[in-house]
Amino acid sequence: MNVKPLADRVLIEPAPAETKTVGGIIIKEKPLRGTIVAVGNGTKDEEMVLKVGDQVLYGKYAGTELELEGKKYLIMRQSDVVAILG
């Protein structure tokens, strides 16, 4: 894969979705965490603080979903990432 996000955007590989069974109904929850696989250079107003390999948390509706080479990814602005996991 050769994708380079522009400006303050990052490409994230989401963690696998969690599946729960409630009263016989299967619920598949959208993950809220993932791994950064590519980063942009930042902007003159916002330095890129995230780096490839960071484990991050992001908002439930953040980003745009992409499918590249059969895998699902999210691309979003650095400001949509709410935390780096330690």
PDB file of N, CA and C in Angstrom:
ATOM      1  N   MET A   1       0.852  -1.180   0.000  1.00  0.00           N
ATOM      2  CA  MET A   1       0.000   0.000   0.000  1.00  0.00           C
ATOM      3  C   MET A   1       0.888   1.230   0.000  1.00  0.00           C
ATOM      4  N   ASN A   2       0.522   2.216  -0.811  1.00  0.00           N
ATOM      5  CA  ASN A   2       1.313   3.425  -0.893  1.00  0.00           C
ATOM      6  C   ASN A   2       0.383   4.631  -0.814  1.00  0.00           C
ATOM      7  N   VAL A   3      -0.097   4.953   0.394  1.00  0.00           N
ATOM      8  CA  VAL A   3      -1.000   6.082   0.612  1.00  0.00           C
ATOM      9  C   VAL A   3      -0.301   7.064   1.534  1.00  0.00           C
ATOM     10  N   LYS A   4      -0.233   8.317   1.142  1.00  0.00           N
ATOM     11  CA  LYS A   4       0.371   9.366   1.957  1.00  0.00           C
ATOM     12  C   LYS A   4      -0.696  10.415   2.231  1.00  0.00           C
ATOM     13  N   PRO A   5      -1.227  10.468   3.474  1.00  0.00           N
ATOM     14  CA  PRO A   5      -2.213  11.493   3.807  1.00  0.00           C
ATOM     15  C   PRO A   5      -1.611  12.890   3.644  1.00  0.00           C
ATOM     16  N   LEU A   6      -2.445  13.843   3.311  1.00  0.00           N
ATOM     17  CA  LEU A   6      -2.001  15.222   3.135  1.00  0.00           C
ATOM     18  C   LEU A   6      -2.271  16.048   4.388  1.00  0.00           C
ATOM     19  N   ALA A   7      -1.458  17.080   4.566  1.00  0.00           N
ATOM     20  CA  ALA A   7      -1.609  18.067   5.639  1.00  0.00           C
ATOM     21  C   ALA A   7      -1.691  17.397   7.016  1.00  0.00           C
ATOM     22  N   ASP A   8      -2.786  17.647   7.742  1.00  0.00           N
ATOM     23  CA  ASP A   8      -2.916  17.156   9.124  1.00  0.00           C
ATOM     24  C   ASP A   8      -3.767  15.892   9.212  1.00  0.00           C
ATOM     25  N   ARG A   9      -3.770  15.098   8.153  1.00  0.00           N
ATOM     26  CA  ARG A   9      -4.577  13.867   8.152  1.00  0.00           C
ATOM     27  C   ARG A   9      -3.731  12.641   8.481  1.00  0.00           C
ATOM     28  N   VAL A  10      -4.401  11.616   9.028  1.00  0.00           N
ATOM     29  CA  VAL A  10      -3.744  10.346   9.361  1.00  0.00           C
ATOM     30  C   VAL A  10      -4.584   9.201   8.815  1.00  0.00           C
ATOM     31  N   LEU A  11      -3.927   8.099   8.491  1.00  0.00           N
ATOM     32  CA  LEU A  11      -4.596   6.881   8.032  1.00  0.00           C
ATOM     33  C   LEU A  11      -4.530   5.876   9.176  1.00  0.00           C
ATOM     34  N   ILE A  12      -5.680   5.357   9.573  1.00  0.00           N
ATOM     35  CA  ILE A  12      -5.783   4.475  10.746  1.00  0.00           C
ATOM     36  C   ILE A  12      -6.357   3.128  10.339  1.00  0.00           C
ATOM     37  N   GLU A  13      -5.736   2.065  10.839  1.00  0.00           N
ATOM     38  CA  GLU A  13      -6.301   0.724  10.697  1.00  0.00           C
ATOM     39  C   GLU A  13      -7.099   0.453  11.972  1.00  0.00           C
ATOM     40  N   PRO A  14      -8.439   0.402  11.869  1.00  0.00           N
ATOM     41  CA  PRO A  14      -9.252   0.196  13.077  1.00  0.00           C
ATOM     42  C   PRO A  14      -9.017  -1.185  13.691  1.00  0.00           C
ATOM     43  N   ALA A  15      -9.182  -1.243  15.001  1.00  0.00           N
ATOM     44  CA  ALA A  15      -9.134  -2.524  15.711  1.00  0.00           C
ATOM     45  C   ALA A  15     -10.347  -3.343  15.267  1.00  0.00           C
ATOM     46  N   PRO A  16     -10.289  -4.658  15.391  1.00  0.00           N
ATOM     47  CA  PRO A  16     -11.447  -5.479  15.012  1.00  0.00           C
ATOM     48  C   PRO A  16     -12.691  -5.090  15.813  1.00  0.00           C
ATOM     49  N   ALA A  17     -13.842  -5.166  15.171  1.00  0.00           N
ATOM     50  CA  ALA A  17     -15.113  -4.847  15.835  1.00  0.00           C
ATOM     51  C   ALA A  17     -15.399  -5.875  16.919  1.00  0.00           C
ATOM     52  N   GLU A  18     -16.001  -5.401  18.003  1.00  0.00           N
ATOM     53  CA  GLU A  18     -16.384  -6.286  19.107  1.00  0.00           C
ATOM     54  C   GLU A  18     -17.820  -6.751  18.894  1.00  0.00           C
ATOM     55  N   THR A  19     -18.061  -8.035  19.151  1.00  0.00           N
ATOM     56  CA  THR A  19     -19.391  -8.600  18.983  1.00  0.00           C
ATOM     57  C   THR A  19     -19.953  -8.975  20.349  1.00  0.00           C
ATOM     58  N   LYS A  20     -21.194  -8.553  20.614  1.00  0.00           N
ATOM     59  CA  LYS A  20     -21.876  -8.874  21.866  1.00  0.00           C
ATOM     60  C   LYS A  20     -23.207  -9.522  21.533  1.00  0.00           C
ATOM     61  N   THR A  21     -23.678 -10.400  22.419  1.00  0.00           N
ATOM     62  CA  THR A  21     -24.996 -10.988  22.273  1.00  0.00           C
ATOM     63  C   THR A  21     -25.855 -10.500  23.431  1.00  0.00           C
ATOM     64  N   VAL A  22     -26.969  -9.848  23.104  1.00  0.00           N
ATOM     65  CA  VAL A  22     -27.876  -9.319  24.111  1.00  0.00           C
ATOM     66  C   VAL A  22     -29.259  -9.866  23.818  1.00  0.00           C
ATOM     67  N   GLY A  23     -29.739 -10.727  24.697  1.00  0.00           N
ATOM     68  CA  GLY A  23     -31.076 -11.289  24.534  1.00  0.00           C
ATOM     69  C   GLY A  23     -31.273 -12.004  23.204  1.00  0.00           C
ATOM     70  N   GLY A  24     -30.238 -12.690  22.721  1.00  0.00           N
ATOM     71  CA  GLY A  24     -30.334 -13.423  21.474  1.00  0.00           C
ATOM     72  C   GLY A  24     -30.066 -12.583  20.228  1.00  0.00           C
ATOM     73  N   ILE A  25     -29.808 -11.284  20.427  1.00  0.00           N
ATOM     74  CA  ILE A  25     -29.502 -10.390  19.302  1.00  0.00           C
ATOM     75  C   ILE A  25     -27.999 -10.151  19.281  1.00  0.00           C
ATOM     76  N   ILE A  26     -27.394 -10.329  18.124  1.00  0.00           N
ATOM     77  CA  ILE A  26     -25.953 -10.118  17.984  1.00  0.00           C
ATOM     78  C   ILE A  26     -25.711  -8.659  17.599  1.00  0.00           C
ATOM     79  N   ILE A  27     -24.888  -7.978  18.403  1.00  0.00           N
ATOM     80  CA  ILE A  27     -24.570  -6.573  18.165  1.00  0.00           C
ATOM     81  C   ILE A  27     -23.084  -6.465  17.857  1.00  0.00           C
ATOM     82  N   LYS A  28     -22.771  -5.860  16.727  1.00  0.00           N
ATOM     83  CA  LYS A  28     -21.375  -5.672  16.333  1.00  0.00           C
ATOM     84  C   LYS A  28     -21.050  -4.193  16.527  1.00  0.00           C
ATOM     85  N   GLU A  29     -20.193  -3.893  17.501  1.00  0.00           N
ATOM     86  CA  GLU A  29     -19.878  -2.510  17.829  1.00  0.00           C
ATOM     87  C   GLU A  29     -18.710  -1.996  17.004  1.00  0.00           C
ATOM     88  N   LYS A  30     -18.861  -0.783  16.492  1.00  0.00           N
ATOM     89  CA  LYS A  30     -17.814  -0.135  15.726  1.00  0.00           C
ATOM     90  C   LYS A  30     -16.653   0.186  16.672  1.00  0.00           C
ATOM     91  N   PRO A  31     -15.422  -0.166  16.290  1.00  0.00           N
ATOM     92  CA  PRO A  31     -14.290   0.105  17.177  1.00  0.00           C
ATOM     93  C   PRO A  31     -14.015   1.602  17.284  1.00  0.00           C
ATOM     94  N   LEU A  32     -13.492   2.013  18.426  1.00  0.00           N
ATOM     95  CA  LEU A  32     -13.146   3.417  18.653  1.00  0.00           C
ATOM     96  C   LEU A  32     -11.643   3.579  18.839  1.00  0.00           C
ATOM     97  N   ARG A  33     -10.900   2.544  18.473  1.00  0.00           N
ATOM     98  CA  ARG A  33      -9.442   2.621  18.588  1.00  0.00           C
ATOM     99  C   ARG A  33      -8.810   1.956  17.382  1.00  0.00           C
ATOM    100  N   GLY A  34      -7.556   2.282  17.156  1.00  0.00           N
ATOM    101  CA  GLY A  34      -6.862   1.713  16.014  1.00  0.00           C
ATOM    102  C   GLY A  34      -5.391   2.075  16.026  1.00  0.00           C
ATOM    103  N   THR A  35      -4.700   1.696  14.956  1.00  0.00           N
ATOM    104  CA  THR A  35      -3.268   1.921  14.819  1.00  0.00           C
ATOM    105  C   THR A  35      -3.016   2.838  13.628  1.00  0.00           C
ATOM    106  N   ILE A  36      -2.179   3.836  13.829  1.00  0.00           N
ATOM    107  CA  ILE A  36      -1.824   4.763  12.750  1.00  0.00           C
ATOM    108  C   ILE A  36      -0.871   4.055  11.798  1.00  0.00           C
ATOM    109  N   VAL A  37      -1.204   4.066  10.502  1.00  0.00           N
ATOM    110  CA  VAL A  37      -0.355   3.414   9.500  1.00  0.00           C
ATOM    111  C   VAL A  37       0.303   4.406   8.543  1.00  0.00           C
ATOM    112  N   ALA A  38      -0.169   5.655   8.514  1.00  0.00           N
ATOM    113  CA  ALA A  38       0.462   6.694   7.694  1.00  0.00           C
ATOM    114  C   ALA A  38       0.037   8.058   8.227  1.00  0.00           C
ATOM    115  N   VAL A  39       0.922   9.056   8.118  1.00  0.00           N
ATOM    116  CA  VAL A  39       0.632  10.410   8.594  1.00  0.00           C
ATOM    117  C   VAL A  39       1.024  11.436   7.538  1.00  0.00           C
ATOM    118  N   GLY A  40       0.341  12.577   7.562  1.00  0.00           N
ATOM    119  CA  GLY A  40       0.704  13.700   6.718  1.00  0.00           C
ATOM    120  C   GLY A  40       1.824  14.492   7.374  1.00  0.00           C
ATOM    121  N   ASN A  41       2.201  15.608   6.770  1.00  0.00           N
ATOM    122  CA  ASN A  41       3.294  16.436   7.285  1.00  0.00           C
ATOM    123  C   ASN A  41       2.846  17.495   8.276  1.00  0.00           C
ATOM    124  N   GLY A  42       1.549  17.628   8.500  1.00  0.00           N
ATOM    125  CA  GLY A  42       1.044  18.685   9.360  1.00  0.00           C
ATOM    126  C   GLY A  42       0.805  19.938   8.534  1.00  0.00           C
ATOM    127  N   THR A  43       0.451  21.018   9.205  1.00  0.00           N
ATOM    128  CA  THR A  43       0.247  22.300   8.546  1.00  0.00           C
ATOM    129  C   THR A  43       1.108  23.335   9.228  1.00  0.00           C
ATOM    130  N   LYS A  44       1.164  24.537   8.668  1.00  0.00           N
ATOM    131  CA  LYS A  44       1.970  25.588   9.300  1.00  0.00           C
ATOM    132  C   LYS A  44       1.393  25.987  10.655  1.00  0.00           C
ATOM    133  N   ASP A  45       0.082  25.769  10.840  1.00  0.00           N
ATOM    134  CA  ASP A  45      -0.569  26.111  12.099  1.00  0.00           C
ATOM    135  C   ASP A  45      -0.646  24.957  13.087  1.00  0.00           C
ATOM    136  N   GLU A  46      -0.505  23.715  12.581  1.00  0.00           N
ATOM    137  CA  GLU A  46      -0.634  22.536  13.454  1.00  0.00           C
ATOM    138  C   GLU A  46       0.447  21.517  13.129  1.00  0.00           C
ATOM    139  N   GLU A  47       1.361  21.335  14.068  1.00  0.00           N
ATOM    140  CA  GLU A  47       2.444  20.357  13.923  1.00  0.00           C
ATOM    141  C   GLU A  47       1.877  18.948  14.055  1.00  0.00           C
ATOM    142  N   MET A  48       2.395  17.999  13.264  1.00  0.00           N
ATOM    143  CA  MET A  48       1.953  16.609  13.349  1.00  0.00           C
ATOM    144  C   MET A  48       2.614  15.969  14.565  1.00  0.00           C
ATOM    145  N   VAL A  49       1.803  15.600  15.560  1.00  0.00           N
ATOM    146  CA  VAL A  49       2.336  14.978  16.775  1.00  0.00           C
ATOM    147  C   VAL A  49       2.144  13.467  16.773  1.00  0.00           C
ATOM    148  N   LEU A  50       1.255  12.971  15.908  1.00  0.00           N
ATOM    149  CA  LEU A  50       1.037  11.530  15.811  1.00  0.00           C
ATOM    150  C   LEU A  50       2.087  10.923  14.891  1.00  0.00           C
ATOM    151  N   LYS A  51       2.400   9.640  15.131  1.00  0.00           N
ATOM    152  CA  LYS A  51       3.384   8.968  14.280  1.00  0.00           C
ATOM    153  C   LYS A  51       2.908   7.556  13.962  1.00  0.00           C
ATOM    154  N   VAL A  52       3.476   6.977  12.929  1.00  0.00           N
ATOM    155  CA  VAL A  52       3.126   5.622  12.511  1.00  0.00           C
ATOM    156  C   VAL A  52       3.377   4.662  13.682  1.00  0.00           C
ATOM    157  N   GLY A  53       2.410   3.791  13.931  1.00  0.00           N
ATOM    158  CA  GLY A  53       2.517   2.814  15.007  1.00  0.00           C
ATOM    159  C   GLY A  53       1.799   3.219  16.282  1.00  0.00           C
ATOM    160  N   ASP A  54       1.431   4.492  16.425  1.00  0.00           N
ATOM    161  CA  ASP A  54       0.698   4.929  17.620  1.00  0.00           C
ATOM    162  C   ASP A  54      -0.654   4.226  17.689  1.00  0.00           C
ATOM    163  N   GLN A  55      -1.013   3.771  18.890  1.00  0.00           N
ATOM    164  CA  GLN A  55      -2.345   3.231  19.166  1.00  0.00           C
ATOM    165  C   GLN A  55      -3.184   4.405  19.644  1.00  0.00           C
ATOM    166  N   VAL A  56      -4.322   4.662  18.999  1.00  0.00           N
ATOM    167  CA  VAL A  56      -5.102   5.860  19.298  1.00  0.00           C
ATOM    168  C   VAL A  56      -6.578   5.556  19.523  1.00  0.00           C
ATOM    169  N   LEU A  57      -7.243   6.502  20.193  1.00  0.00           N
ATOM    170  CA  LEU A  57      -8.695   6.501  20.347  1.00  0.00           C
ATOM    171  C   LEU A  57      -9.237   7.649  19.508  1.00  0.00           C
ATOM    172  N   TYR A  58     -10.395   7.446  18.885  1.00  0.00           N
ATOM    173  CA  TYR A  58     -11.001   8.493  18.070  1.00  0.00           C
ATOM    174  C   TYR A  58     -12.505   8.481  18.278  1.00  0.00           C
ATOM    175  N   GLY A  59     -13.157   9.550  17.854  1.00  0.00           N
ATOM    176  CA  GLY A  59     -14.602   9.681  18.019  1.00  0.00           C
ATOM    177  C   GLY A  59     -15.386   8.651  17.222  1.00  0.00           C
ATOM    178  N   LYS A  60     -16.581   8.334  17.687  1.00  0.00           N
ATOM    179  CA  LYS A  60     -17.414   7.297  17.087  1.00  0.00           C
ATOM    180  C   LYS A  60     -17.731   7.566  15.615  1.00  0.00           C
ATOM    181  N   TYR A  61     -17.931   8.806  15.243  1.00  0.00           N
ATOM    182  CA  TYR A  61     -18.297   9.140  13.868  1.00  0.00           C
ATOM    183  C   TYR A  61     -17.175   9.854  13.123  1.00  0.00           C
ATOM    184  N   ALA A  62     -15.953   9.761  13.641  1.00  0.00           N
ATOM    185  CA  ALA A  62     -14.816  10.459  13.035  1.00  0.00           C
ATOM    186  C   ALA A  62     -14.326   9.739  11.782  1.00  0.00           C
ATOM    187  N   GLY A  63     -13.823  10.507  10.854  1.00  0.00           N
ATOM    188  CA  GLY A  63     -13.125   9.951   9.706  1.00  0.00           C
ATOM    189  C   GLY A  63     -13.995   9.494   8.554  1.00  0.00           C
ATOM    190  N   THR A  64     -13.293   9.146   7.482  1.00  0.00           N
ATOM    191  CA  THR A  64     -13.909   8.627   6.267  1.00  0.00           C
ATOM    192  C   THR A  64     -13.401   7.216   6.054  1.00  0.00           C
ATOM    193  N   GLU A  65     -14.309   6.278   5.834  1.00  0.00           N
ATOM    194  CA  GLU A  65     -13.907   4.882   5.649  1.00  0.00           C
ATOM    195  C   GLU A  65     -13.378   4.657   4.243  1.00  0.00           C
ATOM    196  N   LEU A  66     -12.288   3.896   4.143  1.00  0.00           N
ATOM    197  CA  LEU A  66     -11.676   3.524   2.868  1.00  0.00           C
ATOM    198  C   LEU A  66     -11.440   2.027   2.859  1.00  0.00           C
ATOM    199  N   GLU A  67     -11.408   1.441   1.678  1.00  0.00           N
ATOM    200  CA  GLU A  67     -10.996   0.044   1.562  1.00  0.00           C
ATOM    201  C   GLU A  67      -9.845  -0.004   0.563  1.00  0.00           C
ATOM    202  N   LEU A  68      -8.690  -0.450   1.029  1.00  0.00           N
ATOM    203  CA  LEU A  68      -7.489  -0.538   0.209  1.00  0.00           C
ATOM    204  C   LEU A  68      -6.950  -1.955   0.275  1.00  0.00           C
ATOM    205  N   GLU A  69      -6.763  -2.573  -0.871  1.00  0.00           N
ATOM    206  CA  GLU A  69      -6.232  -3.930  -0.948  1.00  0.00           C
ATOM    207  C   GLU A  69      -6.992  -4.894  -0.038  1.00  0.00           C
ATOM    208  N   GLY A  70      -8.311  -4.735   0.032  1.00  0.00           N
ATOM    209  CA  GLY A  70      -9.157  -5.635   0.796  1.00  0.00           C
ATOM    210  C   GLY A  70      -9.218  -5.366   2.293  1.00  0.00           C
ATOM    211  N   LYS A  71      -8.527  -4.338   2.788  1.00  0.00           N
ATOM    212  CA  LYS A  71      -8.559  -4.001   4.219  1.00  0.00           C
ATOM    213  C   LYS A  71      -9.264  -2.667   4.407  1.00  0.00           C
ATOM    214  N   LYS A  72      -9.952  -2.528   5.537  1.00  0.00           N
ATOM    215  CA  LYS A  72     -10.667  -1.293   5.833  1.00  0.00           C
ATOM    216  C   LYS A  72      -9.792  -0.355   6.652  1.00  0.00           C
ATOM    217  N   TYR A  73      -9.852   0.929   6.315  1.00  0.00           N
ATOM    218  CA  TYR A  73      -9.090   1.970   6.992  1.00  0.00           C
ATOM    219  C   TYR A  73      -9.980   3.175   7.214  1.00  0.00           C
ATOM    220  N   LEU A  74      -9.527   4.067   8.075  1.00  0.00           N
ATOM    221  CA  LEU A  74     -10.164   5.366   8.271  1.00  0.00           C
ATOM    222  C   LEU A  74      -9.125   6.441   7.995  1.00  0.00           C
ATOM    223  N   ILE A  75      -9.534   7.516   7.329  1.00  0.00           N
ATOM    224  CA  ILE A  75      -8.669   8.672   7.184  1.00  0.00           C
ATOM    225  C   ILE A  75      -9.364   9.833   7.877  1.00  0.00           C
ATOM    226  N   MET A  76      -8.627  10.539   8.735  1.00  0.00           N
ATOM    227  CA  MET A  76      -9.223  11.624   9.505  1.00  0.00           C
ATOM    228  C   MET A  76      -8.176  12.676   9.839  1.00  0.00           C
ATOM    229  N   ARG A  77      -8.641  13.813  10.281  1.00  0.00           N
ATOM    230  CA  ARG A  77      -7.743  14.876  10.725  1.00  0.00           C
ATOM    231  C   ARG A  77      -7.148  14.490  12.080  1.00  0.00           C
ATOM    232  N   GLN A  78      -5.951  14.976  12.319  1.00  0.00           N
ATOM    233  CA  GLN A  78      -5.288  14.722  13.589  1.00  0.00           C
ATOM    234  C   GLN A  78      -6.170  15.187  14.765  1.00  0.00           C
ATOM    235  N   SER A  79      -6.905  16.266  14.583  1.00  0.00           N
ATOM    236  CA  SER A  79      -7.762  16.806  15.655  1.00  0.00           C
ATOM    237  C   SER A  79      -8.931  15.889  16.003  1.00  0.00           C
ATOM    238  N   ASP A  80      -9.271  14.921  15.123  1.00  0.00           N
ATOM    239  CA  ASP A  80     -10.336  13.958  15.418  1.00  0.00           C
ATOM    240  C   ASP A  80      -9.859  12.830  16.330  1.00  0.00           C
ATOM    241  N   VAL A  81      -8.553  12.708  16.498  1.00  0.00           N
ATOM    242  CA  VAL A  81      -7.987  11.705  17.413  1.00  0.00           C
ATOM    243  C   VAL A  81      -8.040  12.301  18.811  1.00  0.00           C
ATOM    244  N   VAL A  82      -8.618  11.566  19.763  1.00  0.00           N
ATOM    245  CA  VAL A  82      -8.809  12.129  21.102  1.00  0.00           C
ATOM    246  C   VAL A  82      -7.733  11.704  22.102  1.00  0.00           C
ATOM    247  N   ALA A  83      -6.992  10.615  21.822  1.00  0.00           N
ATOM    248  CA  ALA A  83      -5.963  10.173  22.771  1.00  0.00           C
ATOM    249  C   ALA A  83      -5.008   9.194  22.111  1.00  0.00           C
ATOM    250  N   ILE A  84      -3.776   9.179  22.623  1.00  0.00           N
ATOM    251  CA  ILE A  84      -2.790   8.165  22.256  1.00  0.00           C
ATOM    252  C   ILE A  84      -2.731   7.190  23.416  1.00  0.00           C
ATOM    253  N   LEU A  85      -2.861   5.893  23.120  1.00  0.00           N
ATOM    254  CA  LEU A  85      -2.803   4.870  24.167  1.00  0.00           C
ATOM    255  C   LEU A  85      -1.356   4.522  24.455  1.00  0.00           C
ATOM    256  N   GLY A  86      -1.057   4.367  25.712  1.00  0.00           N
ATOM    257  CA  GLY A  86       0.234   4.244  26.191  1.00  0.00           C
ATOM    258  C   GLY A  86       1.171   3.218  26.128  1.00  0.00           C
TER     259      GLY A  86
END
